[in-house]
Amino acid sequence: MTLPDVRELVPHAGPMVLLDRVVSAGDDTLCAEVAIGPQTLFCDGVGVGAWVGIEYMAQAVAAFAGYEARQRGEPVRVGFLLGSRRYECTRPEFAIGSKLHVHVQRTLQGENGLGAFECRIEDESETGVALATATVTVFQPNNVNEFLREMKVQDE
């Protein structure tokens, strides 16, 4: 099975797509890859701070949603990261030269667009050893423009 380019699945532009490729995808799972190099966004010359791991997870969830939409013949839609629970990382940064695998597994999906995913980041060289873990909660409205208009009206 040929997997689509990650840039076709994540509704971000240019350098803000932090993932390099989709490694695998299934009914409730996706694995994406990030190769940490000197030119990687947020790299400080030694590595990428562990705090960026939550964004890697969020983008892997977005890639999963985009992949699922494409499987149904629908366009990729914008979603929102609502939050995370128990983000834990075993190191302060992801070192240059690391090839990270970002695994997401859907554990909950409501008809209202709310979803929850168990996420983990592994280094390709240490398969099965979690460098970071979290539960990520997301929301994908049916119509993002209508949702944002409603939010703006509530704020006024």
N, C-alpha and C. Protein backbone atom coordinates (compact mmCIF):
# COMPACT_ATOMS: atom_id res chain seq x y z
N MET A 1 0.84 -1.18 0.00
CA MET A 1 0.00 0.00 0.00
C MET A 1 0.89 1.25 0.00
N THR A 2 0.61 2.17 -0.89
CA THR A 2 1.34 3.43 -0.96
C THR A 2 0.64 4.45 -0.06
N LEU A 3 1.40 5.02 0.84
CA LEU A 3 0.85 6.02 1.76
C LEU A 3 1.04 7.41 1.18
N PRO A 4 0.08 8.31 1.38
CA PRO A 4 0.21 9.66 0.85
C PRO A 4 1.31 10.45 1.56
N ASP A 5 1.78 11.49 0.89
CA ASP A 5 2.73 12.42 1.49
C ASP A 5 2.07 13.06 2.70
N VAL A 6 2.81 13.18 3.78
CA VAL A 6 2.26 13.73 5.02
C VAL A 6 1.74 15.15 4.81
N ARG A 7 2.31 15.91 3.87
CA ARG A 7 1.86 17.29 3.61
C ARG A 7 0.47 17.34 2.99
N GLU A 8 0.02 16.21 2.45
CA GLU A 8 -1.34 16.13 1.92
C GLU A 8 -2.36 15.79 3.01
N LEU A 9 -1.88 15.40 4.19
CA LEU A 9 -2.75 14.95 5.27
C LEU A 9 -2.87 15.94 6.41
N VAL A 10 -1.84 16.75 6.61
CA VAL A 10 -1.81 17.70 7.73
C VAL A 10 -2.11 19.09 7.18
N PRO A 11 -3.14 19.75 7.72
CA PRO A 11 -3.52 21.06 7.18
C PRO A 11 -2.64 22.21 7.70
N HIS A 12 -1.32 22.06 7.54
CA HIS A 12 -0.36 23.11 7.87
C HIS A 12 0.37 23.46 6.58
N ALA A 13 1.11 24.55 6.61
CA ALA A 13 1.82 24.98 5.41
C ALA A 13 3.32 25.05 5.67
N GLY A 14 4.07 24.84 4.61
CA GLY A 14 5.52 25.04 4.62
C GLY A 14 6.23 24.36 5.77
N PRO A 15 7.10 25.12 6.44
CA PRO A 15 7.93 24.53 7.49
C PRO A 15 7.16 24.14 8.75
N MET A 16 5.90 24.52 8.84
CA MET A 16 5.12 24.17 10.03
C MET A 16 4.66 22.71 10.00
N VAL A 17 4.83 22.02 8.89
CA VAL A 17 4.61 20.57 8.89
C VAL A 17 5.89 19.97 9.45
N LEU A 18 5.81 19.49 10.68
CA LEU A 18 7.00 19.02 11.38
C LEU A 18 7.32 17.55 11.12
N LEU A 19 6.35 16.80 10.62
CA LEU A 19 6.56 15.38 10.34
C LEU A 19 7.17 15.21 8.95
N ASP A 20 8.00 14.18 8.79
CA ASP A 20 8.64 13.92 7.50
C ASP A 20 7.84 12.97 6.61
N ARG A 21 7.26 11.94 7.22
CA ARG A 21 6.51 10.99 6.41
C ARG A 21 5.62 10.12 7.29
N VAL A 22 4.64 9.49 6.64
CA VAL A 22 3.80 8.50 7.30
C VAL A 22 4.43 7.14 7.06
N VAL A 23 4.67 6.41 8.14
CA VAL A 23 5.30 5.08 8.05
C VAL A 23 4.23 4.01 7.86
N SER A 24 3.14 4.13 8.62
CA SER A 24 2.05 3.15 8.53
C SER A 24 0.76 3.79 9.01
N ALA A 25 -0.36 3.21 8.57
CA ALA A 25 -1.68 3.69 9.00
C ALA A 25 -2.64 2.52 9.01
N GLY A 26 -3.54 2.53 9.97
CA GLY A 26 -4.54 1.48 10.08
C GLY A 26 -5.88 2.07 10.49
N ASP A 27 -6.80 1.21 10.89
CA ASP A 27 -8.14 1.65 11.25
C ASP A 27 -8.15 2.67 12.38
N ASP A 28 -7.34 2.47 13.41
CA ASP A 28 -7.32 3.38 14.55
C ASP A 28 -5.91 3.85 14.90
N THR A 29 -4.95 3.62 14.01
CA THR A 29 -3.56 3.94 14.33
C THR A 29 -2.85 4.62 13.16
N LEU A 30 -1.79 5.31 13.51
CA LEU A 30 -0.89 5.87 12.50
C LEU A 30 0.48 5.99 13.14
N CYS A 31 1.50 5.79 12.34
CA CYS A 31 2.88 6.03 12.77
C CYS A 31 3.51 6.98 11.78
N ALA A 32 4.07 8.07 12.29
CA ALA A 32 4.76 9.05 11.45
C ALA A 32 6.22 9.13 11.88
N GLU A 33 7.04 9.68 11.01
CA GLU A 33 8.47 9.76 11.27
C GLU A 33 8.96 11.20 11.22
N VAL A 34 9.91 11.48 12.11
CA VAL A 34 10.59 12.78 12.14
C VAL A 34 12.08 12.50 12.28
N ALA A 35 12.87 12.97 11.32
CA ALA A 35 14.33 12.84 11.41
C ALA A 35 14.87 14.17 11.94
N ILE A 36 15.54 14.11 13.08
CA ILE A 36 16.06 15.32 13.72
C ILE A 36 17.44 15.64 13.13
N GLY A 37 17.54 16.81 12.51
CA GLY A 37 18.80 17.27 11.94
C GLY A 37 19.05 18.72 12.30
N PRO A 38 20.18 19.26 11.92
CA PRO A 38 20.52 20.65 12.26
C PRO A 38 19.51 21.66 11.70
N GLN A 39 18.84 21.31 10.58
CA GLN A 39 17.90 22.24 9.96
C GLN A 39 16.46 22.02 10.43
N THR A 40 16.22 21.03 11.31
CA THR A 40 14.89 20.75 11.81
C THR A 40 14.37 21.96 12.58
N LEU A 41 13.13 22.34 12.30
CA LEU A 41 12.53 23.47 13.00
C LEU A 41 12.60 23.24 14.51
N PHE A 42 12.97 24.26 15.24
CA PHE A 42 13.13 24.26 16.70
C PHE A 42 14.42 23.62 17.18
N CYS A 43 15.31 23.21 16.26
CA CYS A 43 16.59 22.64 16.65
C CYS A 43 17.51 23.76 17.14
N ASP A 44 18.13 23.55 18.28
CA ASP A 44 19.01 24.56 18.88
C ASP A 44 20.49 24.28 18.61
N GLY A 45 20.78 23.38 17.68
CA GLY A 45 22.16 23.01 17.38
C GLY A 45 22.57 21.71 18.03
N VAL A 46 21.85 21.27 19.04
CA VAL A 46 22.12 20.01 19.73
C VAL A 46 20.96 19.04 19.53
N GLY A 47 19.76 19.60 19.51
CA GLY A 47 18.56 18.78 19.35
C GLY A 47 17.32 19.65 19.41
N VAL A 48 16.19 18.99 19.45
CA VAL A 48 14.89 19.66 19.54
C VAL A 48 14.35 19.41 20.95
N GLY A 49 13.97 20.48 21.62
CA GLY A 49 13.46 20.36 22.99
C GLY A 49 12.30 19.37 23.08
N ALA A 50 12.27 18.64 24.18
CA ALA A 50 11.23 17.63 24.40
C ALA A 50 9.83 18.23 24.36
N TRP A 51 9.72 19.51 24.64
CA TRP A 51 8.40 20.16 24.62
C TRP A 51 7.76 20.13 23.24
N VAL A 52 8.57 19.97 22.18
CA VAL A 52 8.03 19.90 20.82
C VAL A 52 7.35 18.55 20.56
N GLY A 53 7.63 17.58 21.40
CA GLY A 53 7.03 16.26 21.24
C GLY A 53 5.51 16.29 21.22
N ILE A 54 4.90 17.18 21.99
CA ILE A 54 3.45 17.26 22.00
C ILE A 54 2.94 17.72 20.63
N GLU A 55 3.67 18.58 19.95
CA GLU A 55 3.27 19.01 18.60
C GLU A 55 3.48 17.89 17.60
N TYR A 56 4.55 17.10 17.76
CA TYR A 56 4.72 15.93 16.89
C TYR A 56 3.51 15.00 17.04
N MET A 57 3.09 14.79 18.28
CA MET A 57 1.92 13.94 18.53
C MET A 57 0.66 14.54 17.90
N ALA A 58 0.44 15.83 18.10
CA ALA A 58 -0.75 16.48 17.55
C ALA A 58 -0.77 16.40 16.03
N GLN A 59 0.39 16.59 15.40
CA GLN A 59 0.42 16.50 13.95
C GLN A 59 0.22 15.07 13.45
N ALA A 60 0.67 14.09 14.22
CA ALA A 60 0.41 12.70 13.85
C ALA A 60 -1.08 12.39 13.96
N VAL A 61 -1.74 12.96 14.96
CA VAL A 61 -3.20 12.81 15.06
C VAL A 61 -3.87 13.47 13.86
N ALA A 62 -3.39 14.66 13.47
CA ALA A 62 -3.94 15.35 12.30
C ALA A 62 -3.72 14.52 11.04
N ALA A 63 -2.54 13.90 10.93
CA ALA A 63 -2.27 13.05 9.77
C ALA A 63 -3.22 11.85 9.76
N PHE A 64 -3.49 11.30 10.94
CA PHE A 64 -4.46 10.20 11.03
C PHE A 64 -5.83 10.65 10.54
N ALA A 65 -6.29 11.81 11.01
CA ALA A 65 -7.60 12.32 10.59
C ALA A 65 -7.61 12.59 9.09
N GLY A 66 -6.52 13.14 8.55
CA GLY A 66 -6.43 13.39 7.12
C GLY A 66 -6.44 12.10 6.32
N TYR A 67 -5.72 11.11 6.81
CA TYR A 67 -5.68 9.80 6.14
C TYR A 67 -7.07 9.18 6.13
N GLU A 68 -7.74 9.22 7.26
CA GLU A 68 -9.09 8.66 7.36
C GLU A 68 -10.06 9.40 6.42
N ALA A 69 -9.96 10.73 6.37
CA ALA A 69 -10.82 11.52 5.46
C ALA A 69 -10.57 11.10 4.01
N ARG A 70 -9.32 10.98 3.63
CA ARG A 70 -9.00 10.56 2.25
C ARG A 70 -9.52 9.17 1.93
N GLN A 71 -9.50 8.28 2.92
CA GLN A 71 -10.03 6.93 2.72
C GLN A 71 -11.53 6.98 2.42
N ARG A 72 -12.22 7.98 2.98
CA ARG A 72 -13.66 8.14 2.75
C ARG A 72 -13.94 9.00 1.53
N GLY A 73 -12.90 9.50 0.86
CA GLY A 73 -13.08 10.36 -0.31
C GLY A 73 -13.45 11.79 0.06
N GLU A 74 -13.13 12.21 1.28
CA GLU A 74 -13.46 13.55 1.76
C GLU A 74 -12.20 14.41 1.82
N PRO A 75 -12.37 15.73 1.85
CA PRO A 75 -11.20 16.60 1.97
C PRO A 75 -10.63 16.58 3.40
N VAL A 76 -9.36 16.91 3.52
CA VAL A 76 -8.72 17.05 4.83
C VAL A 76 -9.29 18.30 5.49
N ARG A 77 -9.64 18.18 6.77
CA ARG A 77 -10.23 19.31 7.50
C ARG A 77 -9.34 19.73 8.66
N VAL A 78 -9.50 20.97 9.06
CA VAL A 78 -8.77 21.52 10.19
C VAL A 78 -9.35 20.95 11.49
N GLY A 79 -8.48 20.70 12.44
CA GLY A 79 -8.89 20.27 13.77
C GLY A 79 -8.13 21.09 14.81
N PHE A 80 -8.47 20.89 16.06
CA PHE A 80 -7.87 21.67 17.14
C PHE A 80 -7.34 20.75 18.23
N LEU A 81 -6.15 21.04 18.71
CA LEU A 81 -5.59 20.36 19.87
C LEU A 81 -6.24 21.00 21.09
N LEU A 82 -7.01 20.23 21.84
CA LEU A 82 -7.64 20.76 23.05
C LEU A 82 -6.73 20.68 24.25
N GLY A 83 -5.94 19.63 24.28
CA GLY A 83 -5.04 19.50 25.42
C GLY A 83 -4.38 18.14 25.45
N SER A 84 -3.56 17.96 26.48
CA SER A 84 -2.90 16.68 26.68
C SER A 84 -2.90 16.36 28.16
N ARG A 85 -2.85 15.08 28.43
CA ARG A 85 -2.76 14.63 29.82
C ARG A 85 -1.52 13.76 29.95
N ARG A 86 -0.84 13.96 31.04
CA ARG A 86 0.30 13.13 31.40
C ARG A 86 1.39 13.11 30.33
N TYR A 87 1.74 14.26 29.74
CA TYR A 87 2.87 14.26 28.81
C TYR A 87 4.13 14.03 29.63
N GLU A 88 4.79 12.94 29.33
CA GLU A 88 6.02 12.59 30.02
C GLU A 88 7.07 12.26 28.97
N CYS A 89 8.27 12.80 29.19
CA CYS A 89 9.38 12.55 28.28
C CYS A 89 10.59 12.14 29.10
N THR A 90 11.32 11.14 28.63
CA THR A 90 12.45 10.59 29.39
C THR A 90 13.74 11.38 29.21
N ARG A 91 13.71 12.38 28.34
CA ARG A 91 14.92 13.19 28.11
C ARG A 91 14.54 14.63 27.83
N PRO A 92 15.46 15.55 28.00
CA PRO A 92 15.13 16.97 27.80
C PRO A 92 15.04 17.38 26.33
N GLU A 93 15.64 16.58 25.43
CA GLU A 93 15.58 16.91 24.01
C GLU A 93 15.73 15.67 23.16
N PHE A 94 15.31 15.82 21.90
CA PHE A 94 15.49 14.77 20.89
C PHE A 94 16.75 15.15 20.12
N ALA A 95 17.80 14.35 20.24
CA ALA A 95 19.12 14.71 19.73
C ALA A 95 19.19 14.66 18.20
N ILE A 96 20.07 15.53 17.66
CA ILE A 96 20.37 15.49 16.22
C ILE A 96 20.83 14.08 15.88
N GLY A 97 20.32 13.57 14.77
CA GLY A 97 20.63 12.21 14.34
C GLY A 97 19.56 11.21 14.73
N SER A 98 18.64 11.62 15.61
CA SER A 98 17.55 10.73 15.99
C SER A 98 16.53 10.61 14.86
N LYS A 99 15.97 9.43 14.71
CA LYS A 99 14.86 9.23 13.80
C LYS A 99 13.70 8.77 14.67
N LEU A 100 12.75 9.68 14.87
CA LEU A 100 11.64 9.43 15.78
C LEU A 100 10.46 8.80 15.06
N HIS A 101 9.80 7.86 15.71
CA HIS A 101 8.54 7.31 15.24
C HIS A 101 7.47 7.77 16.22
N VAL A 102 6.48 8.47 15.70
CA VAL A 102 5.40 9.02 16.50
C VAL A 102 4.17 8.16 16.26
N HIS A 103 3.76 7.43 17.29
CA HIS A 103 2.64 6.49 17.20
C HIS A 103 1.40 7.12 17.84
N VAL A 104 0.27 7.05 17.16
CA VAL A 104 -1.00 7.50 17.73
C VAL A 104 -2.02 6.38 17.59
N GLN A 105 -2.83 6.21 18.62
CA GLN A 105 -3.89 5.19 18.63
C GLN A 105 -5.17 5.86 19.13
N ARG A 106 -6.19 5.85 18.28
CA ARG A 106 -7.48 6.44 18.67
C ARG A 106 -8.12 5.56 19.74
N THR A 107 -8.51 6.21 20.85
CA THR A 107 -9.17 5.48 21.93
C THR A 107 -10.62 5.93 22.10
N LEU A 108 -10.95 7.10 21.56
CA LEU A 108 -12.30 7.63 21.69
C LEU A 108 -12.58 8.54 20.50
N GLN A 109 -13.76 8.42 19.92
CA GLN A 109 -14.17 9.32 18.84
C GLN A 109 -15.67 9.56 18.97
N GLY A 110 -16.06 10.78 19.30
CA GLY A 110 -17.46 11.12 19.42
C GLY A 110 -18.02 11.65 18.11
N GLU A 111 -19.31 11.53 17.94
CA GLU A 111 -19.96 12.07 16.74
C GLU A 111 -19.90 13.59 16.71
N ASN A 112 -19.65 14.22 17.86
CA ASN A 112 -19.56 15.67 17.94
C ASN A 112 -18.18 16.21 17.55
N GLY A 113 -17.26 15.33 17.14
CA GLY A 113 -15.94 15.76 16.70
C GLY A 113 -14.86 15.66 17.75
N LEU A 114 -15.21 15.32 18.99
CA LEU A 114 -14.21 15.15 20.04
C LEU A 114 -13.54 13.79 19.91
N GLY A 115 -12.24 13.77 20.14
CA GLY A 115 -11.50 12.52 20.06
C GLY A 115 -10.37 12.50 21.07
N ALA A 116 -9.93 11.29 21.41
CA ALA A 116 -8.78 11.12 22.31
C ALA A 116 -7.86 10.06 21.71
N PHE A 117 -6.57 10.28 21.86
CA PHE A 117 -5.54 9.41 21.29
C PHE A 117 -4.46 9.14 22.33
N GLU A 118 -4.07 7.88 22.41
CA GLU A 118 -2.88 7.53 23.20
C GLU A 118 -1.69 7.67 22.25
N CYS A 119 -0.69 8.41 22.69
CA CYS A 119 0.44 8.71 21.80
C CYS A 119 1.76 8.35 22.48
N ARG A 120 2.72 7.97 21.65
CA ARG A 120 4.07 7.73 22.15
C ARG A 120 5.08 8.04 21.05
N ILE A 121 6.25 8.42 21.48
CA ILE A 121 7.36 8.69 20.57
C ILE A 121 8.48 7.72 20.91
N GLU A 122 8.99 7.05 19.89
CA GLU A 122 10.11 6.13 20.04
C GLU A 122 11.23 6.56 19.11
N ASP A 123 12.47 6.26 19.49
CA ASP A 123 13.60 6.43 18.58
C ASP A 123 13.70 5.15 17.77
N GLU A 124 13.86 5.28 16.46
CA GLU A 124 13.93 4.10 15.58
C GLU A 124 14.98 3.10 16.06
N SER A 125 16.06 3.60 16.65
CA SER A 125 17.14 2.71 17.10
C SER A 125 16.81 2.00 18.41
N GLU A 126 15.73 2.40 19.09
CA GLU A 126 15.34 1.79 20.37
C GLU A 126 13.88 1.35 20.30
N THR A 127 13.51 0.58 19.29
CA THR A 127 12.13 0.17 19.09
C THR A 127 11.54 -0.42 20.37
N GLY A 128 10.36 0.04 20.70
CA GLY A 128 9.65 -0.45 21.88
C GLY A 128 9.93 0.34 23.14
N VAL A 129 10.90 1.25 23.08
CA VAL A 129 11.22 2.09 24.25
C VAL A 129 10.60 3.47 24.03
N ALA A 130 9.63 3.81 24.86
CA ALA A 130 8.96 5.10 24.71
C ALA A 130 9.83 6.22 25.25
N LEU A 131 10.11 7.21 24.39
CA LEU A 131 10.81 8.41 24.83
C LEU A 131 9.83 9.41 25.44
N ALA A 132 8.60 9.42 24.88
CA ALA A 132 7.57 10.34 25.36
C ALA A 132 6.21 9.67 25.20
N THR A 133 5.30 9.97 26.12
CA THR A 133 3.94 9.45 26.06
C THR A 133 2.97 10.55 26.50
N ALA A 134 1.73 10.44 26.02
CA ALA A 134 0.68 11.38 26.43
C ALA A 134 -0.66 10.88 25.90
N THR A 135 -1.71 11.38 26.51
CA THR A 135 -3.05 11.26 25.96
C THR A 135 -3.38 12.62 25.38
N VAL A 136 -3.73 12.65 24.10
CA VAL A 136 -4.02 13.90 23.40
C VAL A 136 -5.51 13.96 23.10
N THR A 137 -6.11 15.09 23.43
CA THR A 137 -7.53 15.32 23.17
C THR A 137 -7.67 16.35 22.05
N VAL A 138 -8.54 16.05 21.08
CA VAL A 138 -8.69 16.90 19.89
C VAL A 138 -10.16 17.16 19.60
N PHE A 139 -10.38 18.16 18.77
CA PHE A 139 -11.74 18.48 18.32
C PHE A 139 -11.67 18.85 16.85
N GLN A 140 -12.54 18.23 16.06
CA GLN A 140 -12.62 18.53 14.63
C GLN A 140 -14.08 18.86 14.29
N PRO A 141 -14.38 20.16 14.17
CA PRO A 141 -15.76 20.54 13.85
C PRO A 141 -16.10 20.18 12.41
N ASN A 142 -17.38 19.99 12.14
CA ASN A 142 -17.81 19.71 10.77
C ASN A 142 -17.51 20.86 9.84
N ASN A 143 -17.70 22.09 10.33
CA ASN A 143 -17.45 23.29 9.53
C ASN A 143 -16.61 24.25 10.37
N VAL A 144 -15.33 24.32 10.09
CA VAL A 144 -14.42 25.11 10.92
C VAL A 144 -14.75 26.60 10.86
N ASN A 145 -15.14 27.12 9.69
CA ASN A 145 -15.45 28.55 9.58
C ASN A 145 -16.67 28.91 10.42
N GLU A 146 -17.70 28.08 10.38
CA GLU A 146 -18.89 28.31 11.19
C GLU A 146 -18.54 28.23 12.68
N PHE A 147 -17.74 27.27 13.05
CA PHE A 147 -17.31 27.11 14.44
C PHE A 147 -16.56 28.35 14.93
N LEU A 148 -15.63 28.85 14.12
CA LEU A 148 -14.85 30.03 14.51
C LEU A 148 -15.73 31.28 14.60
N ARG A 149 -16.72 31.41 13.70
CA ARG A 149 -17.66 32.54 13.79
C ARG A 149 -18.45 32.47 15.09
N GLU A 150 -18.92 31.28 15.46
CA GLU A 150 -19.65 31.11 16.70
C GLU A 150 -18.78 31.46 17.90
N MET A 151 -17.52 31.08 17.87
CA MET A 151 -16.61 31.38 18.97
C MET A 151 -16.39 32.89 19.08
N LYS A 152 -16.27 33.56 17.94
CA LYS A 152 -16.06 35.00 17.94
C LYS A 152 -17.29 35.72 18.52
N VAL A 153 -18.48 35.28 18.16
CA VAL A 153 -19.72 35.88 18.67
C VAL A 153 -19.80 35.68 20.18
N GLN A 154 -19.40 34.52 20.68
CA GLN A 154 -19.44 34.26 22.12
C GLN A 154 -18.46 35.14 22.86
N ASP A 155 -17.34 35.50 22.23
CA ASP A 155 -16.33 36.33 22.87
C ASP A 155 -16.71 37.80 22.93
N GLU A 156 -17.65 38.22 22.08
CA GLU A 156 -18.01 39.65 22.02
C GLU A 156 -18.95 40.03 23.13
